[in-house]
Structures are given as C-alpha cells and as structure tokens.
Amino acid sequence: MKVTLVNIFRRPFDNAVAAARTCYSGKGLVTPEQVAGEHHADPEKRREAAARKTALAKSIYHAGHHTTLQHAHVQFALEGVSRQFIWSFLHSHPFYNSEQVSQRYVSVSADQVHVPAALDARQREFYLATVARQVADYQELTTRLAAPASAEYFRLFPARRSGRRGAVDVQKKAQEVARYVLPVGTTAYLYHTVSLLTLLRYRRMQEHYDTPQEQRAVVGEMVRLVLAADPELSTVLEEPLAPEEMAEQPWLEDTGRSPATTAAFIRRFDQRLGGRVSRLVDYSACAEEVMADAARQVFGLNPDQMPDDEAIRGVLDPSRNPLLGETLNLKAHGKLSRVMVHPHYTFLKKLSHTADSQDQRHRMTPASRPVLAAHATGEPDFITPRLVLQDAALERRYSESMQRTWEAASELRAMGASAEAAAYLLPNAQAVRFTESGDLAALHHKMAMRLCYNSQEEIWQAAVDEALQIRAVHPRLGAFLLPPCGLRDLAGVRPVCPEGDRYCGVKVWRLDMNNYTRLI
C-alpha cells in the first residue's frame, strides 16, 4: 500500500478560519494571512492573532459549523489498496471524487492483491496460494470466454473481423466477464480527492466495518501526510470512534444470529425481488401531479395556463428542454429542470460486488449497503454473468471456481484468521443485497448512463428494471427515462450516439424498452 499527497490547498487551516471570519466581517473578505496575523509587525500581536485563530477554529468545529472545512481539498494517489476497502469505505458516501483503474479493461495478475498484515506465515501462504488459483481461473475463463464473446461481437460488427480493433474489444469483453472470479482483495490504483471535512470523517470512522485494519493503515497515512503539510489541522482532529461506540455493534453481536437465520434472510430478500435485479418497493404516490404543479410555480402559472401534461413534457421532453440533450448534466442548474427532485423512488437491489462497486459511484442515488460479513452463511452466494450461462461447460467451470473460493475462505477462518482477512478472498461475483433510493433528477441521469448498451451488464439490467417499473406507476415520467441516444434523438442532437467509436452497434433509440436484449 502506498499513499501519496498529490495536491493540497495552500494554508488549508488558515483558509478555513478566514472563511469563517468572512461571514461576520464588515470590511470585506478576510484573508488567510490576516487570520495568521501576518499584517502585524508586533510579535505579540501576531501571537494574539494565532491564539484567536485557534480558539475560533475549535469553537466553530465543536459547534458543528463545518462548511468552512469543505473549501480546502486534498488529492491523494493511492496504490495497492483493495477493491473491498474501496467499496466498503472510500466509496460508501457521496463526498469524494475518484478515478481508478478498471478491471473491465485492464488485466489482473496474482501479485495485485492486498495481503492482510495480521496473517501469520502459514495463513499467508494459504491465502496467496488461493489468490494464485483464483487468478489462474480468471486467466482460463478469459481464454474460454473469447469464443462466445467473439461470436456476439462480430454479429454486431461484422466489418471489424479483419482489423485489430475487433480482437482487442473481444479480449476486453472476455476479461470483463472473467473478472467475476477474482477476489475482492484484488488491488487498485486511483486518484482520490476529498475535502478536509471528509478526511476528518475518515479519521473518526476508520474503525468501521468491513475493513478496519486496512482503513487504519490508509487513513493513518492520509492524515500523517496532511498534518505534515499543515500541522495546525491537528487542532480539529478527533480520535477514531471505537467499534463498541458504533450503532452496528450490538446487532452484530446478537447471539441469535446463525447461518440458518442469515440464509432465511437471503431467501426472503430474493423472493421479494421476484426475479428482478432491482424491484420498486416505494415511490411518491402523486409524483406526476406534484412535479407538474412545481413546474407551474416556477413561472407563477395556473393549471389552465399550463396543464399537467404540458408541464411534464416541458420538463422531461428533450425536444422542449434542450438541457436534456447535453452530455453535461445541467439539471440541477436549470430552474425548470430542478422540479425533477420531487418524485422519489426506492428499490430493492441485488448485484455482484463488482457491479455494485460501479453502481455506488452514482452518488445521488444513495443506498444502505450491508456489513458484508453479516450476510455470510459460509455457502457460495454469487452472481453469474449471462455470457457464462450461454455454455453449460463454462458455467460448470465457473461454479467450480466459486465453490473452491468459498471453501478456501472457510478454511482460512478455521486456521485462525479473522473474518476481515478471509473476506478478501471472496469473489467479485459475491452477491450484495441492499435498498437504494433516488429522486427523478438523479435517476434520469443514471438511466442516461446505464441504459446504454455499453454499460456493465448487471447495472444495465437494473436500470431497465427500474425504468420499466417507474413507467408502470408514472407513465408520463417514465416515458422519458431513456438511454443517451434516446434523449439525443428526441433533442435532435447528432450524432445520436455520443460514444463515438465505442458505439454498441445497435440502434437502441429505435427500440421499445420492453424489447431491450443484450448478451455483451
């Protein structure tokens, strides 16, 4: 694991205090230099200014006035951190930005794995042997998946059979599916940018589930680097909460918990999905009427001047609202488009760990994701991609890999390793069950990204499920939940597909969503 501080605001602590003092300044903006007392020639006055700065910083921090700490941002380069840690901690909240290496497009080797520091020599040897086997399975499946991926790809793009482009795309598709057998302990490198406020929250929550040991190491190094750049930030740095201080702890220690009760929970959850990836379980009952009324309020109009149907089309029809034909998401900035925040929808969802790692990047559709260890029964619990299901022999090989992985995780636990350490061996295919919500504005943007045929398979299927169910309860709203090409076609924007040479090969904008099908 390596953490590098790439960028940081100049004088972040002084900047936060200057922002606070500006709120009450009758003489204009207060500068960081002023709060530090640098305009004073007298050393005593400088000391007094420094004391006032510290006192004010502590006062506003403990009062909960934390917005001043959001101005300064820090950018880290992280290397050798696990996908499990990224999913469970770094990307479990909306207040960050990351750009990380993709397993969909970059191949993985056996040395790219997080090795828990707490493992003894015997456990470590077994752990690394298991990872080597998982990576070998991944490499084998990548090879075996090339044939079905090639058949589907060249059905869509017959003209690419003779060029290098087709072979490269098929290879990427094969390894995208094969990655499901890789462990969630596989490492990544990424740029990760947060505000000082988020960094302080990281520090406070670093002992939280599911990866506290790795969190302790990564967050500790983040904080060390930032304090080296500006030691005064220690003024508002709190100690981490202990596990026993967290609300989850009593429930996780419940003596009534057993593999059988957890298995019953999983069966009930899956039955409630009714065969869907995502099932609508709650929504704003009067969403269409409320949104139409909100649109009228923007202009001070009455229903006879702007009927509901006209109001809804004025907001959602790209031929009427040109913002919806742009790739830059401007809905939050348009007065009329902002009425889309009022309709609200909640879904039960089940995705693989790897698919959910992408789904959670849609930070405006937040979810209550599980303590993963609390869903464990000791039995295999995984998602199988459709491309694997096309070949019975391939599916058997895939299932065999899953079975061996769960057996290895159980054996590592029997050797005395912690549940945290053993969880790193779980595959990317591990099923994750949760509830997710979002307003129409956020879902509209998400659909424009994930209804695209280039989207990852599971998230695409979830998006189709969600769009169709919203159409069923709110047809006037759901009619405009479309892939990017559908929105651009209605808006009259050309080319219709915004993906350029990544065009999927299907004229999706001409299809009825009930007829959407895809294999790759």
Protein backbone atom coordinates (compact mmCIF):
# COMPACT_ATOMS: atom_id res chain seq x y z
CA MET A 1 0.00 0.00 0.00
CA LYS A 2 1.27 3.45 -0.92
CA VAL A 3 -0.37 6.82 -0.24
CA THR A 4 0.94 9.99 -1.88
CA LEU A 5 -0.36 13.50 -1.22
CA VAL A 6 -0.54 14.94 -4.74
CA ASN A 7 -2.30 18.28 -4.18
CA ILE A 8 -3.39 20.33 -1.19
CA PHE A 9 -4.73 23.86 -0.74
CA ARG A 10 -2.22 26.47 0.32
CA ARG A 11 -2.65 27.06 4.08
CA PRO A 12 -5.85 24.98 4.43
CA PHE A 13 -6.31 25.62 8.16
CA ASP A 14 -5.92 29.39 7.82
CA ASN A 15 -8.25 29.27 4.81
CA ALA A 16 -10.98 27.59 6.88
CA VAL A 17 -10.73 30.20 9.63
CA ALA A 18 -10.65 33.04 7.07
CA ALA A 19 -13.86 31.70 5.54
CA ALA A 20 -15.47 31.63 8.98
CA ARG A 21 -14.44 35.19 9.85
CA THR A 22 -15.61 36.49 6.46
CA CYS A 23 -19.19 35.64 7.47
CA TYR A 24 -19.03 38.36 10.13
CA SER A 25 -16.64 40.81 8.51
CA GLY A 26 -17.90 44.29 7.76
CA LYS A 27 -14.65 45.15 5.97
CA GLY A 28 -14.78 42.64 3.13
CA LEU A 29 -13.08 39.30 2.68
CA VAL A 30 -10.76 38.10 5.42
CA THR A 31 -7.57 36.50 4.08
CA PRO A 32 -5.56 33.58 5.48
CA GLU A 33 -2.68 35.99 6.00
CA GLN A 34 -4.88 38.21 8.17
CA VAL A 35 -6.11 35.39 10.41
CA ALA A 36 -2.48 34.38 10.91
CA GLY A 37 -1.67 37.95 11.97
CA GLU A 38 0.95 38.43 9.27
CA HIS A 39 -0.12 42.05 8.76
CA HIS A 40 1.09 42.83 12.29
CA ALA A 41 4.69 43.90 12.76
CA ASP A 42 4.44 43.43 16.54
CA PRO A 43 5.29 39.78 17.51
CA GLU A 44 2.91 39.95 20.45
CA LYS A 45 0.01 40.92 18.24
CA ARG A 46 0.90 38.04 15.94
CA ARG A 47 0.76 35.66 18.89
CA GLU A 48 -2.61 37.07 19.91
CA ALA A 49 -3.91 36.61 16.36
CA ALA A 50 -2.70 32.99 16.35
CA ALA A 51 -4.44 32.34 19.67
CA ARG A 52 -7.70 33.86 18.38
CA LYS A 53 -7.43 31.75 15.24
CA THR A 54 -7.05 28.53 17.24
CA ALA A 55 -9.87 29.43 19.61
CA LEU A 56 -12.25 30.28 16.75
CA ALA A 57 -11.37 27.11 14.86
CA LYS A 58 -12.12 24.96 17.92
CA SER A 59 -15.29 26.88 18.69
CA ILE A 60 -16.89 26.55 15.25
CA TYR A 61 -15.74 22.96 14.90
CA HIS A 62 -17.30 21.81 18.17
CA ALA A 63 -20.46 23.79 17.40
CA GLY A 64 -20.86 21.76 14.20
CA HIS A 65 -20.19 24.63 11.77
CA HIS A 66 -18.11 22.50 9.41
CA THR A 67 -18.71 24.05 5.99
CA THR A 68 -15.54 26.11 6.32
CA LEU A 69 -13.58 22.83 6.15
CA GLN A 70 -15.12 21.97 2.78
CA HIS A 71 -13.29 24.71 0.90
CA ALA A 72 -9.88 23.10 1.08
CA HIS A 73 -9.50 19.81 -0.79
CA VAL A 74 -6.73 17.25 -0.77
CA GLN A 75 -5.88 14.89 -3.60
CA PHE A 76 -4.22 11.54 -2.95
CA ALA A 77 -2.70 8.94 -5.24
CA LEU A 78 -3.48 5.55 -3.74
CA GLU A 79 -1.70 2.37 -4.84
CA GLY A 80 -2.16 -1.19 -3.68
CA VAL A 81 -5.49 -0.67 -1.90
CA SER A 82 -8.10 -3.40 -2.11
CA ARG A 83 -11.36 -3.30 -4.04
CA GLN A 84 -13.06 -4.42 -0.83
CA PHE A 85 -11.73 -1.35 1.04
CA ILE A 86 -12.72 0.96 -1.83
CA TRP A 87 -16.27 -0.48 -1.90
CA SER A 88 -16.76 -0.63 1.86
CA PHE A 89 -15.13 2.65 2.88
CA LEU A 90 -13.80 5.07 0.27
CA HIS A 91 -16.88 4.97 -1.97
CA SER A 92 -19.54 4.32 0.67
CA HIS A 93 -20.53 8.01 0.85
CA PRO A 94 -21.16 10.80 -1.69
CA PHE A 95 -18.44 13.29 -0.69
CA TYR A 96 -15.45 12.31 -2.83
CA ASN A 97 -14.14 12.00 -6.36
CA SER A 98 -12.15 9.02 -7.63
CA GLU A 99 -10.68 7.84 -10.90
CA GLN A 100 -9.42 4.27 -10.59
CA VAL A 101 -8.03 1.55 -12.81
CA SER A 102 -10.81 -0.56 -14.34
CA GLN A 103 -10.85 -4.36 -14.20
CA ARG A 104 -13.16 -4.26 -17.20
CA TYR A 105 -10.32 -3.07 -19.41
CA VAL A 106 -7.05 -3.81 -17.60
CA SER A 107 -5.93 -7.38 -16.92
CA VAL A 108 -5.03 -8.57 -13.41
CA SER A 109 -2.05 -10.61 -12.17
CA ALA A 110 -1.57 -12.66 -8.99
CA ASP A 111 0.69 -10.09 -7.33
CA GLN A 112 -2.05 -7.44 -7.44
CA VAL A 113 -3.72 -8.39 -4.18
CA HIS A 114 -3.99 -6.98 -0.69
CA VAL A 115 -2.39 -9.29 1.89
CA PRO A 116 -3.76 -8.67 5.41
CA ALA A 117 -0.92 -7.81 7.77
CA ALA A 118 -2.44 -9.88 10.59
CA LEU A 119 -1.95 -13.21 8.78
CA ASP A 120 0.73 -15.47 10.22
CA ALA A 121 3.20 -17.29 7.95
CA ARG A 122 1.01 -20.39 7.47
CA GLN A 123 -2.14 -18.37 6.83
CA ARG A 124 -0.30 -16.06 4.45
CA GLU A 125 0.99 -18.98 2.39
CA PHE A 126 -2.51 -20.44 2.11
CA TYR A 127 -4.00 -17.04 1.29
CA LEU A 128 -1.51 -16.39 -1.53
CA ALA A 129 -1.98 -19.90 -2.94
CA THR A 130 -5.74 -19.30 -3.05
CA VAL A 131 -5.26 -15.99 -4.85
CA ALA A 132 -2.92 -17.63 -7.36
CA ARG A 133 -5.61 -20.24 -8.09
CA GLN A 134 -8.28 -17.55 -8.47
CA VAL A 135 -6.12 -15.60 -10.92
CA ALA A 136 -5.40 -18.81 -12.86
CA ASP A 137 -9.17 -19.40 -13.08
CA TYR A 138 -9.59 -15.83 -14.30
CA GLN A 139 -6.97 -16.33 -17.00
CA GLU A 140 -8.52 -19.63 -18.08
CA LEU A 141 -12.01 -18.13 -18.24
CA THR A 142 -10.72 -15.15 -20.18
CA THR A 143 -9.45 -17.56 -22.83
CA ARG A 144 -12.58 -19.72 -22.86
CA LEU A 145 -14.92 -16.71 -22.98
CA ALA A 146 -13.27 -15.38 -26.11
CA ALA A 147 -15.34 -17.65 -28.38
CA PRO A 148 -18.84 -16.64 -27.16
CA ALA A 149 -17.77 -13.01 -26.82
CA SER A 150 -16.35 -13.07 -30.34
CA ALA A 151 -19.50 -14.60 -31.83
CA GLU A 152 -21.72 -11.90 -30.34
CA TYR A 153 -19.31 -9.05 -31.06
CA PHE A 154 -18.86 -9.88 -34.74
CA ARG A 155 -22.58 -10.40 -35.14
CA LEU A 156 -22.88 -6.73 -34.23
CA PHE A 157 -19.74 -5.56 -36.06
CA PRO A 158 -19.06 -7.91 -38.99
CA ALA A 159 -16.82 -5.33 -40.69
CA ARG A 160 -14.34 -5.47 -37.81
CA ARG A 161 -13.36 -9.13 -38.32
CA SER A 162 -10.26 -8.20 -40.27
CA GLY A 163 -8.94 -5.43 -38.06
CA ARG A 164 -7.07 -5.29 -34.75
CA ARG A 165 -9.89 -3.30 -33.11
CA GLY A 166 -12.23 -6.30 -33.02
CA ALA A 167 -9.69 -8.60 -31.39
CA VAL A 168 -8.92 -6.01 -28.71
CA ASP A 169 -12.60 -5.42 -27.93
CA VAL A 170 -13.31 -9.15 -27.68
CA GLN A 171 -10.35 -9.61 -25.31
CA LYS A 172 -11.63 -6.81 -23.08
CA LYS A 173 -15.14 -8.24 -23.04
CA ALA A 174 -13.83 -11.70 -22.11
CA GLN A 175 -11.76 -10.40 -19.21
CA GLU A 176 -14.64 -8.15 -18.09
CA VAL A 177 -16.73 -11.26 -17.50
CA ALA A 178 -13.87 -13.44 -16.24
CA ARG A 179 -13.06 -10.90 -13.51
CA TYR A 180 -16.07 -12.18 -11.56
CA VAL A 181 -13.88 -15.00 -10.19
CA LEU A 182 -11.17 -12.61 -8.94
CA PRO A 183 -11.04 -11.89 -5.20
CA VAL A 184 -12.35 -8.61 -3.79
CA GLY A 185 -8.88 -8.31 -2.23
CA THR A 186 -7.52 -7.51 -5.70
CA THR A 187 -5.81 -4.14 -5.53
CA ALA A 188 -6.33 -0.95 -7.48
CA TYR A 189 -4.57 2.35 -8.01
CA LEU A 190 -6.54 5.58 -8.14
CA TYR A 191 -6.67 9.30 -7.62
CA HIS A 192 -8.93 10.15 -4.69
CA THR A 193 -9.91 13.72 -3.81
CA VAL A 194 -11.81 14.80 -0.69
CA SER A 195 -12.38 17.92 1.35
CA LEU A 196 -10.73 18.36 4.73
CA LEU A 197 -14.12 17.71 6.29
CA THR A 198 -14.36 14.30 4.62
CA LEU A 199 -10.81 13.46 5.70
CA LEU A 200 -11.74 14.26 9.31
CA ARG A 201 -14.75 11.97 8.94
CA TYR A 202 -12.49 9.23 7.57
CA ARG A 203 -10.34 9.55 10.67
CA ARG A 204 -13.33 9.42 13.00
CA MET A 205 -14.82 6.35 11.24
CA GLN A 206 -11.66 4.40 10.41
CA GLU A 207 -12.56 1.51 12.73
CA HIS A 208 -15.89 0.92 10.98
CA TYR A 209 -16.83 -2.33 9.19
CA ASP A 210 -15.81 -4.18 6.92
CA THR A 211 -12.09 -3.36 6.54
CA PRO A 212 -10.87 -1.63 9.75
CA GLN A 213 -7.25 -2.84 9.56
CA GLU A 214 -6.77 -1.57 6.03
CA GLN A 215 -8.69 1.61 6.85
CA ARG A 216 -6.41 2.22 9.81
CA ALA A 217 -3.34 1.96 7.60
CA VAL A 218 -4.59 4.04 4.65
CA VAL A 219 -6.39 6.77 6.62
CA GLY A 220 -3.50 6.96 9.08
CA GLU A 221 -1.11 7.68 6.23
CA MET A 222 -3.50 10.21 4.66
CA VAL A 223 -3.75 12.10 7.92
CA ARG A 224 0.00 11.94 8.53
CA LEU A 225 0.75 13.46 5.13
CA VAL A 226 -1.80 16.25 5.53
CA LEU A 227 -0.58 17.14 9.02
CA ALA A 228 2.98 17.27 7.69
CA ALA A 229 1.77 19.84 5.16
CA ASP A 230 -0.23 21.86 7.72
CA PRO A 231 0.34 20.83 11.37
CA GLU A 232 -2.31 23.27 12.62
CA LEU A 233 -5.04 20.98 11.32
CA SER A 234 -4.40 18.83 14.38
CA THR A 235 -6.40 21.49 16.24
CA VAL A 236 -9.66 19.95 14.96
CA LEU A 237 -8.53 16.32 14.56
CA GLU A 238 -10.54 13.88 16.67
CA GLU A 239 -9.60 10.35 17.69
CA PRO A 240 -11.34 7.45 15.90
CA LEU A 241 -14.55 6.07 17.32
CA ALA A 242 -14.10 2.66 18.89
CA PRO A 243 -16.12 -0.24 17.42
CA GLU A 244 -18.17 -0.55 20.61
CA GLU A 245 -19.27 3.08 20.19
CA MET A 246 -20.93 2.35 16.84
CA ALA A 247 -24.62 1.57 16.40
CA GLU A 248 -23.95 -1.62 14.43
CA GLN A 249 -22.03 -3.38 17.19
CA PRO A 250 -24.90 -4.68 19.40
CA TRP A 251 -26.73 -6.11 16.39
CA LEU A 252 -23.65 -7.87 15.07
CA GLU A 253 -23.06 -9.45 18.48
CA ASP A 254 -26.64 -10.79 18.68
CA THR A 255 -26.35 -14.35 19.97
CA GLY A 256 -29.44 -15.36 17.99
CA ARG A 257 -27.56 -14.94 14.71
CA SER A 258 -26.71 -18.17 12.88
CA PRO A 259 -26.00 -19.30 9.30
CA ALA A 260 -29.57 -20.63 9.16
CA THR A 261 -31.15 -17.27 10.09
CA THR A 262 -28.92 -15.47 7.60
CA ALA A 263 -29.85 -17.96 4.89
CA ALA A 264 -33.53 -17.33 5.68
CA PHE A 265 -32.96 -13.59 5.30
CA ILE A 266 -31.32 -14.16 1.91
CA ARG A 267 -34.17 -16.39 0.69
CA ARG A 268 -36.77 -13.83 1.77
CA PHE A 269 -34.87 -10.96 0.10
CA ASP A 270 -34.50 -12.87 -3.17
CA GLN A 271 -38.16 -13.88 -3.15
CA ARG A 272 -39.13 -10.24 -2.73
CA LEU A 273 -37.10 -9.36 -5.84
CA GLY A 274 -39.41 -11.61 -7.86
CA GLY A 275 -36.73 -12.48 -10.40
CA ARG A 276 -35.64 -8.88 -10.94
CA VAL A 277 -32.24 -7.33 -10.34
CA SER A 278 -33.99 -4.26 -8.95
CA ARG A 279 -37.56 -4.05 -7.65
CA LEU A 280 -39.54 -0.88 -6.96
CA VAL A 281 -40.81 -1.04 -3.37
CA ASP A 282 -41.83 2.57 -2.70
CA TYR A 283 -42.45 5.80 -4.59
CA SER A 284 -44.04 9.24 -4.37
CA ALA A 285 -47.70 8.45 -4.96
CA CYS A 286 -48.62 11.80 -6.53
CA ALA A 287 -45.30 12.38 -8.28
CA GLU A 288 -46.70 13.42 -11.65
CA GLU A 289 -49.16 15.93 -10.20
CA VAL A 290 -46.65 17.33 -7.69
CA MET A 291 -43.94 17.79 -10.31
CA ALA A 292 -46.38 19.45 -12.73
CA ASP A 293 -47.52 21.81 -10.01
CA ALA A 294 -43.91 22.63 -9.13
CA ALA A 295 -43.26 23.46 -12.79
CA ARG A 296 -46.16 25.90 -12.80
CA GLN A 297 -44.81 27.53 -9.66
CA VAL A 298 -41.54 28.33 -11.44
CA PHE A 299 -43.47 30.67 -13.73
CA GLY A 300 -46.39 31.67 -11.48
CA LEU A 301 -48.93 29.92 -13.73
CA ASN A 302 -52.24 28.19 -13.07
CA PRO A 303 -53.38 24.76 -14.36
CA ASP A 304 -55.49 26.31 -17.12
CA GLN A 305 -52.37 28.04 -18.43
CA MET A 306 -50.05 25.04 -18.04
CA PRO A 307 -51.92 21.71 -17.81
CA ASP A 308 -50.18 18.75 -16.17
CA ASP A 309 -49.31 17.03 -19.45
CA GLU A 310 -47.78 20.19 -20.86
CA ALA A 311 -45.84 20.85 -17.67
CA ILE A 312 -44.41 17.33 -17.59
CA ARG A 313 -43.41 17.42 -21.25
CA GLY A 314 -41.88 20.84 -20.77
CA VAL A 315 -39.63 19.40 -18.07
CA LEU A 316 -38.81 15.95 -19.47
CA ASP A 317 -39.15 16.05 -23.25
CA PRO A 318 -35.69 16.80 -24.72
CA SER A 319 -37.35 18.45 -27.72
CA ARG A 320 -38.78 21.00 -25.27
CA ASN A 321 -35.97 21.07 -22.67
CA PRO A 322 -32.65 21.23 -24.54
CA LEU A 323 -30.63 20.71 -21.34
CA LEU A 324 -31.58 17.02 -21.52
CA GLY A 325 -29.80 16.56 -24.84
CA GLU A 326 -26.43 17.64 -23.42
CA THR A 327 -23.80 15.28 -22.04
CA LEU A 328 -23.02 17.80 -19.29
CA ASN A 329 -25.57 17.16 -16.55
CA LEU A 330 -27.17 20.59 -16.08
CA LYS A 331 -30.48 19.63 -14.46
CA ALA A 332 -29.54 20.99 -11.04
CA HIS A 333 -28.73 24.36 -12.62
CA GLY A 334 -31.94 24.88 -14.60
CA LYS A 335 -34.86 26.37 -12.69
CA LEU A 336 -37.41 24.26 -14.56
CA SER A 337 -35.33 21.07 -14.54
CA ARG A 338 -34.91 21.27 -10.77
CA VAL A 339 -38.54 20.26 -10.26
CA MET A 340 -37.38 16.72 -11.07
CA VAL A 341 -36.10 16.40 -7.50
CA HIS A 342 -39.63 15.97 -6.10
CA PRO A 343 -40.60 12.49 -7.37
CA HIS A 344 -38.81 9.86 -5.31
CA TYR A 345 -38.30 6.10 -5.80
CA THR A 346 -36.91 3.26 -3.66
CA PHE A 347 -35.67 -0.11 -4.91
CA LEU A 348 -34.56 -3.45 -3.51
CA LYS A 349 -31.41 -4.48 -5.40
CA LYS A 350 -29.10 -7.43 -5.75
CA LEU A 351 -25.83 -7.01 -7.61
CA SER A 352 -22.42 -8.62 -7.60
CA HIS A 353 -19.71 -6.92 -5.56
CA THR A 354 -18.00 -5.78 -8.75
CA ALA A 355 -21.20 -4.38 -10.30
CA ASP A 356 -22.19 -2.66 -7.08
CA SER A 357 -18.74 -1.06 -6.93
CA GLN A 358 -19.75 0.74 -10.12
CA ASP A 359 -23.35 1.33 -9.09
CA GLN A 360 -22.29 3.13 -5.90
CA ARG A 361 -20.39 5.69 -7.99
CA HIS A 362 -23.83 7.18 -8.74
CA ARG A 363 -23.63 9.15 -5.53
CA MET A 364 -27.00 10.89 -5.93
CA THR A 365 -28.85 7.56 -5.71
CA PRO A 366 -27.59 6.54 -2.25
CA ALA A 367 -28.01 3.08 -0.77
CA SER A 368 -27.88 1.41 2.63
CA ARG A 369 -25.27 -1.21 1.83
CA PRO A 370 -24.64 -4.10 4.20
CA VAL A 371 -21.94 -5.08 6.61
CA LEU A 372 -20.86 -7.78 4.18
CA ALA A 373 -19.79 -10.20 6.89
CA ALA A 374 -23.33 -10.14 8.31
CA HIS A 375 -24.66 -11.66 5.06
CA ALA A 376 -22.25 -14.59 5.11
CA THR A 377 -23.59 -18.12 5.57
CA GLY A 378 -20.43 -20.00 4.63
CA GLU A 379 -22.11 -21.20 1.42
CA PRO A 380 -21.44 -19.85 -2.09
CA ASP A 381 -23.61 -16.83 -2.86
CA PHE A 382 -22.76 -15.34 -6.21
CA ILE A 383 -23.93 -13.78 -9.47
CA THR A 384 -23.28 -15.49 -12.82
CA PRO A 385 -22.90 -13.29 -15.94
CA ARG A 386 -25.13 -14.13 -18.88
CA LEU A 387 -22.22 -14.79 -21.21
CA VAL A 388 -21.15 -17.63 -18.89
CA LEU A 389 -24.67 -19.03 -18.87
CA GLN A 390 -24.57 -19.50 -22.65
CA ASP A 391 -22.26 -22.52 -22.29
CA ALA A 392 -23.04 -25.35 -19.84
CA ALA A 393 -19.41 -26.48 -19.57
CA LEU A 394 -18.29 -22.90 -18.96
CA GLU A 395 -20.94 -22.45 -16.30
CA ARG A 396 -19.80 -25.64 -14.52
CA ARG A 397 -16.20 -24.40 -14.53
CA TYR A 398 -17.30 -21.02 -13.20
CA SER A 399 -19.36 -22.61 -10.41
CA GLU A 400 -16.44 -24.88 -9.50
CA SER A 401 -14.22 -21.82 -9.07
CA MET A 402 -16.85 -20.24 -6.81
CA GLN A 403 -17.17 -23.38 -4.70
CA ARG A 404 -13.41 -23.62 -4.20
CA THR A 405 -13.22 -19.95 -3.24
CA TRP A 406 -15.84 -20.28 -0.50
CA GLU A 407 -14.16 -23.43 0.77
CA ALA A 408 -10.83 -21.59 0.91
CA ALA A 409 -12.33 -18.66 2.82
CA SER A 410 -13.81 -21.10 5.36
CA GLU A 411 -10.52 -22.96 5.66
CA LEU A 412 -8.63 -19.72 6.27
CA ARG A 413 -11.06 -18.91 9.08
CA ALA A 414 -10.54 -22.42 10.52
CA MET A 415 -6.81 -21.69 10.53
CA GLY A 416 -7.50 -18.79 12.92
CA ALA A 417 -7.61 -15.85 10.51
CA SER A 418 -10.10 -13.06 11.14
CA ALA A 419 -13.36 -12.69 9.26
CA GLU A 420 -11.97 -9.44 7.83
CA ALA A 421 -8.95 -11.23 6.37
CA ALA A 422 -10.97 -14.13 4.96
CA ALA A 423 -13.43 -11.74 3.27
CA TYR A 424 -10.68 -10.51 0.94
CA LEU A 425 -10.81 -13.94 -0.74
CA LEU A 426 -14.49 -13.63 -1.63
CA PRO A 427 -15.01 -13.25 -5.38
CA ASN A 428 -16.10 -10.20 -7.31
CA ALA A 429 -19.22 -12.27 -8.00
CA GLN A 430 -20.24 -12.12 -4.32
CA ALA A 431 -23.92 -11.09 -4.15
CA VAL A 432 -24.66 -7.80 -2.40
CA ARG A 433 -28.24 -7.06 -1.28
CA PHE A 434 -29.44 -3.59 -0.27
CA THR A 435 -32.03 -0.83 -0.65
CA GLU A 436 -31.36 2.19 -2.88
CA SER A 437 -33.29 5.43 -3.35
CA GLY A 438 -33.16 8.41 -5.62
CA ASP A 439 -35.17 11.32 -6.96
CA LEU A 440 -36.20 11.59 -10.60
CA ALA A 441 -33.40 14.02 -11.42
CA ALA A 442 -30.71 11.63 -10.17
CA LEU A 443 -32.38 8.60 -11.74
CA HIS A 444 -32.77 10.40 -15.07
CA HIS A 445 -29.01 11.00 -15.18
CA LYS A 446 -28.28 7.46 -14.04
CA MET A 447 -30.53 5.97 -16.71
CA ALA A 448 -28.85 8.10 -19.36
CA MET A 449 -25.57 6.48 -18.33
CA ARG A 450 -26.67 2.91 -17.55
CA LEU A 451 -29.37 2.16 -20.14
CA CYS A 452 -26.59 2.48 -22.71
CA TYR A 453 -25.72 -0.94 -24.17
CA ASN A 454 -22.06 -0.27 -23.31
CA SER A 455 -22.91 -0.22 -19.61
CA GLN A 456 -21.87 -3.07 -17.34
CA GLU A 457 -24.36 -5.91 -17.72
CA GLU A 458 -25.86 -6.05 -14.22
CA ILE A 459 -26.24 -2.30 -13.81
CA TRP A 460 -27.79 -2.13 -17.27
CA GLN A 461 -30.34 -4.78 -16.29
CA ALA A 462 -31.08 -2.96 -13.02
CA ALA A 463 -31.62 0.26 -14.98
CA VAL A 464 -34.02 -1.50 -17.36
CA ASP A 465 -35.93 -2.96 -14.38
CA GLU A 466 -36.17 0.44 -12.73
CA ALA A 467 -37.18 2.40 -15.83
CA LEU A 468 -39.94 -0.06 -16.71
CA GLN A 469 -41.32 -0.10 -13.17
CA ILE A 470 -41.36 3.69 -12.98
CA ARG A 471 -43.22 3.71 -16.32
CA ALA A 472 -45.79 1.36 -14.83
CA VAL A 473 -46.62 3.65 -11.90
CA HIS A 474 -45.88 7.04 -13.52
CA PRO A 475 -46.11 6.60 -17.30
CA ARG A 476 -45.80 10.29 -18.10
CA LEU A 477 -42.50 10.48 -16.20
CA GLY A 478 -41.13 7.05 -17.07
CA ALA A 479 -41.58 7.59 -20.79
CA PHE A 480 -38.56 9.90 -20.72
CA LEU A 481 -36.19 7.64 -18.78
CA LEU A 482 -34.07 6.74 -21.81
CA PRO A 483 -30.53 5.84 -22.83
CA PRO A 484 -28.34 8.72 -24.00
CA CYS A 485 -29.07 8.01 -27.66
CA GLY A 486 -32.82 8.13 -26.98
CA LEU A 487 -32.56 11.53 -25.32
CA ARG A 488 -30.30 12.92 -28.03
CA ASP A 489 -32.59 11.64 -30.78
CA LEU A 490 -35.58 13.44 -29.24
CA ALA A 491 -33.47 16.56 -28.79
CA GLY A 492 -32.37 16.47 -32.43
CA VAL A 493 -28.70 16.18 -31.47
CA ARG A 494 -26.38 14.46 -33.94
CA PRO A 495 -24.64 12.08 -33.90
CA VAL A 496 -27.35 10.25 -31.99
CA CYS A 497 -24.87 8.03 -30.13
CA PRO A 498 -22.40 10.07 -28.03
CA GLU A 499 -19.93 7.17 -27.69
CA GLY A 500 -18.09 7.70 -30.98
CA ASP A 501 -16.11 4.60 -31.97
CA ARG A 502 -17.46 2.87 -28.85
CA TYR A 503 -20.92 2.70 -30.46
CA CYS A 504 -22.57 -0.56 -29.35
CA GLY A 505 -23.75 -1.48 -32.84
CA VAL A 506 -27.47 -1.42 -32.00
CA LYS A 507 -29.86 1.45 -32.82
CA VAL A 508 -31.20 1.42 -29.29
CA TRP A 509 -33.03 4.73 -29.72
CA ARG A 510 -35.41 2.98 -32.12
CA LEU A 511 -36.24 0.11 -29.74
CA ASP A 512 -39.10 -0.19 -27.30
CA MET A 513 -37.60 -0.74 -23.87
CA ASN A 514 -39.70 -3.88 -23.38
CA ASN A 515 -37.69 -5.38 -26.24
CA TYR A 516 -34.22 -4.48 -24.91
CA THR A 517 -31.90 -7.51 -25.09
CA ARG A 518 -28.14 -7.84 -24.95
CA LEU A 519 -25.53 -10.50 -24.37
CA ILE A 520 -22.34 -8.47 -24.24
